[in-house]
Amino acid sequence: MIEILNPEELDRARDTGALVGSILQSLKERATVGVNLLDLDAWTKEMIEDAGAESCYVDYAPSFGRGPFGHYVCTAVNDAVLHGMPHDYALAEGDLLTLDLAVTLRGIAADAAISFVVGRPADPADLAMIEVTERALEAGIAAARPGARVGDLSRAIGSVLRAAGYPINREFGGHGIGSTMHQDPHVANDGRPGRGYILRPGLLLALEPWVMADTDQLVTDDDGWTLRSATGCRTAHTEHTIAITETGAEILTLPPIA
């Protein structure tokens, strides 16, 4: 399913995106050394409910997971990169943490992810990897405009990742979003320009470059959800929900301006 939102729905999407950006910023500020991942999940639940929103994750049970996810935010640490299930773990100095959040407010969903190092960075390579995913996301957003094709965005993202020397997994990537969290079209993190769905004003996309330092292969934890690098290497993941407008792309999930 591919949805094209009308102006009133786009206004609601802006509200949802602002909420997602705000919650992620608050969680980043709270994610200090010694904080438990389950506490981050509990704080996320509280902020979602206080806003009158709904989690996209709690009851989510796709074919690639094992039953309902059962939590409110994905918490991926170090070699975990996607669908990190919160568990009893206290953050340590130098942990590379990814927080991925999707909520629905007034019938429209938004999805975003941030990666950062807890406390003092243990390795400059972590910061470099995070920065590459951010630049790749910027490139994908810059390519997003009416008349462009999905492959143009994939190529823009992949060009940045490949130039930095990172292997690229194309199984999991960006996606359409609207009244539900995961919709068509799939936006792989590398691809061929001029291919795929033609972008139209009113389309929402969640673009999400993610990389693993030295592999493109994933393994799944015993929890049936958390995806890790097959080699145990570090990982990073950055995501925004954008709206295609008449003139380009509008980022909906930016954090609030201080």
Protein backbone atom coordinates (compact mmCIF):
# COMPACT_ATOMS: atom_id res chain seq x y z
CA MET A 1 0.00 0.00 0.00
CA ILE A 2 1.21 3.49 -0.89
CA GLU A 3 -0.63 6.45 0.64
CA ILE A 4 -0.64 10.03 -0.61
CA LEU A 5 -1.63 12.38 2.23
CA ASN A 6 -3.87 15.40 1.80
CA PRO A 7 -2.94 18.79 3.35
CA GLU A 8 -4.87 18.13 6.57
CA GLU A 9 -3.18 14.75 6.99
CA LEU A 10 0.21 16.35 6.33
CA ASP A 11 -0.44 18.79 9.17
CA ARG A 12 -1.10 15.84 11.46
CA ALA A 13 2.08 14.17 10.18
CA ARG A 14 4.03 17.27 11.22
CA ASP A 15 2.64 16.96 14.74
CA THR A 16 3.55 13.27 14.92
CA GLY A 17 7.03 13.92 13.58
CA ALA A 18 7.63 16.70 16.09
CA LEU A 19 6.60 14.35 18.90
CA VAL A 20 8.98 11.62 17.72
CA GLY A 21 11.86 14.09 17.47
CA SER A 22 11.12 15.47 20.92
CA ILE A 23 10.95 12.05 22.59
CA LEU A 24 14.20 10.90 20.99
CA GLN A 25 15.95 14.07 22.13
CA SER A 26 14.70 13.55 25.68
CA LEU A 27 15.83 9.92 25.67
CA LYS A 28 19.27 10.90 24.39
CA GLU A 29 19.66 13.34 27.27
CA ARG A 30 18.64 10.63 29.76
CA ALA A 31 20.79 7.87 28.27
CA THR A 32 23.79 8.30 30.56
CA VAL A 33 26.21 5.77 32.04
CA GLY A 34 24.36 3.41 34.39
CA VAL A 35 20.88 3.95 32.93
CA ASN A 36 19.04 0.70 32.21
CA LEU A 37 17.52 0.05 28.79
CA LEU A 38 14.27 -0.94 30.50
CA ASP A 39 14.14 2.51 32.12
CA LEU A 40 14.48 4.12 28.67
CA ASP A 41 11.58 1.97 27.51
CA ALA A 42 9.44 2.95 30.52
CA TRP A 43 10.16 6.66 29.97
CA THR A 44 9.20 6.26 26.31
CA LYS A 45 5.87 4.68 27.27
CA GLU A 46 5.19 7.55 29.65
CA MET A 47 5.96 10.25 27.07
CA ILE A 48 3.88 8.57 24.37
CA GLU A 49 0.88 8.22 26.66
CA ASP A 50 1.21 11.75 28.03
CA ALA A 51 1.01 13.05 24.43
CA GLY A 52 -2.13 11.05 23.70
CA ALA A 53 -0.24 9.03 21.08
CA GLU A 54 0.10 5.30 20.46
CA SER A 55 3.17 3.12 20.08
CA CYS A 56 3.74 1.50 16.69
CA TYR A 57 5.88 -1.19 18.32
CA VAL A 58 4.08 -2.76 21.28
CA ASP A 59 1.71 -4.94 19.25
CA TYR A 60 3.85 -5.08 16.11
CA ALA A 61 4.28 -8.68 14.92
CA PRO A 62 5.69 -8.87 11.36
CA SER A 63 6.99 -12.01 9.70
CA PHE A 64 10.62 -11.19 10.54
CA GLY A 65 10.01 -10.93 14.30
CA ARG A 66 8.98 -13.45 16.94
CA GLY A 67 5.52 -12.44 18.13
CA PRO A 68 4.57 -8.91 19.28
CA PHE A 69 7.60 -6.69 20.00
CA GLY A 70 6.13 -5.76 23.38
CA HIS A 71 8.19 -2.58 23.97
CA TYR A 72 7.99 1.12 23.11
CA VAL A 73 11.44 1.93 21.71
CA CYS A 74 14.17 -0.07 19.97
CA THR A 75 17.45 0.04 21.90
CA ALA A 76 20.40 -1.32 19.91
CA VAL A 77 23.78 -1.34 21.67
CA ASN A 78 27.23 -1.71 20.03
CA ASP A 79 26.99 -4.67 17.63
CA ALA A 80 23.17 -4.55 17.61
CA VAL A 81 21.83 -2.39 14.80
CA LEU A 82 18.11 -2.98 14.17
CA HIS A 83 15.02 -3.92 16.20
CA GLY A 84 16.96 -3.91 19.46
CA MET A 85 14.65 -5.23 22.16
CA PRO A 86 15.05 -3.43 25.52
CA HIS A 87 16.35 -5.73 28.22
CA ASP A 88 18.02 -5.57 31.63
CA TYR A 89 21.26 -3.86 30.65
CA ALA A 90 22.90 -0.79 32.23
CA LEU A 91 24.62 1.50 29.73
CA ALA A 92 28.40 1.65 30.04
CA GLU A 93 30.96 4.30 29.16
CA GLY A 94 31.57 4.27 25.40
CA ASP A 95 28.53 2.21 24.42
CA LEU A 96 27.27 3.02 20.92
CA LEU A 97 23.51 3.27 21.33
CA THR A 98 20.83 3.49 18.66
CA LEU A 99 17.30 4.53 19.61
CA ASP A 100 14.58 3.88 17.02
CA LEU A 101 11.06 5.17 17.67
CA ALA A 102 7.76 5.14 15.81
CA VAL A 103 4.45 6.45 17.12
CA THR A 104 1.00 7.26 15.77
CA LEU A 105 -0.75 10.50 16.69
CA ARG A 106 -4.22 11.34 15.39
CA GLY A 107 -4.02 8.55 12.86
CA ILE A 108 -0.64 9.33 11.27
CA ALA A 109 2.68 7.61 12.07
CA ALA A 110 6.24 8.93 12.09
CA ASP A 111 9.50 7.02 12.51
CA ALA A 112 13.06 8.14 13.33
CA ALA A 113 16.32 6.82 14.75
CA ILE A 114 19.48 8.32 16.25
CA SER A 115 22.86 6.82 17.11
CA PHE A 116 25.25 8.29 19.66
CA VAL A 117 28.00 7.30 22.07
CA VAL A 118 27.20 7.16 25.78
CA GLY A 119 29.62 9.13 27.92
CA ARG A 120 33.07 9.64 26.46
CA PRO A 121 33.63 8.01 23.04
CA ALA A 122 35.83 4.94 23.26
CA ASP A 123 36.82 5.00 19.59
CA PRO A 124 36.79 7.87 17.05
CA ALA A 125 35.70 5.28 14.47
CA ASP A 126 32.31 5.17 16.19
CA LEU A 127 31.77 8.89 15.66
CA ALA A 128 32.95 8.61 12.06
CA MET A 129 30.49 5.78 11.38
CA ILE A 130 27.59 7.71 12.89
CA GLU A 131 28.55 10.78 10.85
CA VAL A 132 28.55 8.74 7.64
CA THR A 133 24.99 7.54 8.24
CA GLU A 134 23.94 11.14 8.89
CA ARG A 135 25.57 12.34 5.66
CA ALA A 136 23.97 9.47 3.74
CA LEU A 137 20.58 10.46 5.12
CA GLU A 138 21.17 14.06 4.08
CA ALA A 139 22.02 12.87 0.56
CA GLY A 140 18.86 10.78 0.35
CA ILE A 141 16.73 13.69 1.52
CA ALA A 142 18.39 16.04 -0.99
CA ALA A 143 17.45 13.63 -3.79
CA ALA A 144 13.80 13.43 -2.68
CA ARG A 145 11.57 15.62 -4.83
CA PRO A 146 8.50 15.20 -7.04
CA GLY A 147 9.32 13.21 -10.15
CA ALA A 148 12.36 11.52 -8.65
CA ARG A 149 12.30 7.76 -8.36
CA VAL A 150 12.97 5.63 -5.30
CA GLY A 151 16.14 4.34 -6.94
CA ASP A 152 17.50 7.89 -7.04
CA LEU A 153 17.25 8.10 -3.24
CA SER A 154 18.76 4.64 -2.79
CA ARG A 155 21.68 5.54 -5.05
CA ALA A 156 22.29 8.83 -3.22
CA ILE A 157 22.37 7.05 0.15
CA GLY A 158 24.48 4.16 -1.08
CA SER A 159 27.02 6.42 -2.78
CA VAL A 160 27.90 8.02 0.55
CA LEU A 161 28.09 4.72 2.41
CA ARG A 162 30.17 3.03 -0.27
CA ALA A 163 32.55 5.98 -0.59
CA ALA A 164 33.24 5.65 3.13
CA GLY A 165 34.05 1.96 2.69
CA TYR A 166 31.10 0.40 4.49
CA PRO A 167 29.40 -2.82 3.29
CA ILE A 168 25.69 -2.29 2.57
CA ASN A 169 22.83 -4.61 3.50
CA ARG A 170 19.82 -3.99 1.21
CA GLU A 171 17.37 -6.31 3.01
CA PHE A 172 16.28 -3.72 5.58
CA GLY A 173 16.00 -0.06 4.67
CA GLY A 174 13.63 2.85 4.38
CA HIS A 175 9.94 2.61 3.66
CA GLY A 176 6.73 4.42 3.03
CA ILE A 177 4.76 5.51 6.07
CA GLY A 178 1.35 7.06 6.73
CA SER A 179 -1.63 5.68 8.59
CA THR A 180 0.55 2.65 9.36
CA MET A 181 4.26 2.44 10.14
CA HIS A 182 5.55 0.22 7.32
CA GLN A 183 4.23 0.74 3.82
CA ASP A 184 5.50 0.58 0.27
CA PRO A 185 7.72 1.63 -1.34
CA HIS A 186 10.79 -0.05 0.11
CA VAL A 187 13.81 2.29 -0.05
CA ALA A 188 16.97 0.20 -0.05
CA ASN A 189 20.20 1.82 1.14
CA ASP A 190 21.76 1.35 -2.28
CA GLY A 191 20.29 1.01 -5.73
CA ARG A 192 20.12 2.10 -9.34
CA PRO A 193 18.94 5.61 -10.25
CA GLY A 194 15.92 6.00 -12.48
CA ARG A 195 14.24 2.88 -11.12
CA GLY A 196 11.20 2.35 -8.92
CA TYR A 197 8.21 4.34 -7.76
CA ILE A 198 7.92 7.98 -8.86
CA LEU A 199 7.69 10.33 -5.86
CA ARG A 200 4.61 12.54 -5.56
CA PRO A 201 3.70 15.41 -3.23
CA GLY A 202 1.97 14.07 -0.12
CA LEU A 203 4.06 10.90 0.07
CA LEU A 204 5.74 10.19 3.41
CA LEU A 205 8.98 8.23 3.50
CA ALA A 206 11.12 7.03 6.39
CA LEU A 207 14.71 7.00 5.14
CA GLU A 208 17.17 5.08 7.32
CA PRO A 209 20.80 4.52 6.39
CA TRP A 210 22.46 1.97 8.67
CA VAL A 211 25.83 0.28 8.50
CA MET A 212 28.01 -2.27 10.22
CA ALA A 213 31.73 -1.58 10.35
CA ASP A 214 33.02 -4.62 8.46
CA THR A 215 30.12 -6.81 7.26
CA ASP A 216 26.73 -6.73 5.57
CA GLN A 217 25.58 -9.93 7.30
CA LEU A 218 23.12 -10.01 10.21
CA VAL A 219 22.37 -12.51 12.96
CA THR A 220 19.27 -12.61 15.15
CA ASP A 221 19.32 -12.77 18.95
CA ASP A 222 17.46 -15.43 20.89
CA ASP A 223 14.77 -12.80 21.59
CA GLY A 224 13.70 -13.24 17.96
CA TRP A 225 14.02 -9.52 17.23
CA THR A 226 17.41 -7.92 17.85
CA LEU A 227 19.59 -7.94 14.73
CA ARG A 228 23.36 -7.83 15.23
CA SER A 229 26.41 -7.73 12.99
CA ALA A 230 27.54 -11.24 12.17
CA THR A 231 31.14 -10.38 13.10
CA GLY A 232 30.39 -8.56 16.34
CA CYS A 233 31.53 -5.23 14.88
CA ARG A 234 30.02 -1.88 15.87
CA THR A 235 27.04 -0.41 14.02
CA ALA A 236 25.18 2.87 13.45
CA HIS A 237 21.71 3.85 12.23
CA THR A 238 20.11 7.23 11.46
CA GLU A 239 16.52 7.84 10.29
CA HIS A 240 14.06 10.64 9.56
CA THR A 241 10.51 10.70 8.27
CA ILE A 242 10.15 13.14 5.39
CA ALA A 243 7.21 14.48 3.39
CA ILE A 244 7.51 15.00 -0.35
CA THR A 245 6.34 18.53 -1.15
CA GLU A 246 5.93 20.47 -4.37
CA THR A 247 9.49 21.79 -4.04
CA GLY A 248 11.42 18.94 -2.41
CA ALA A 249 11.40 17.21 0.96
CA GLU A 250 10.34 18.40 4.42
CA ILE A 251 11.95 16.68 7.41
CA LEU A 252 9.22 15.95 9.96
CA THR A 253 11.17 14.31 12.82
CA LEU A 254 13.78 16.92 13.66
CA PRO A 255 14.51 17.40 17.39
CA PRO A 256 13.16 20.60 18.96
CA ILE A 257 15.33 23.69 18.67
CA ALA A 258 16.96 24.48 22.01
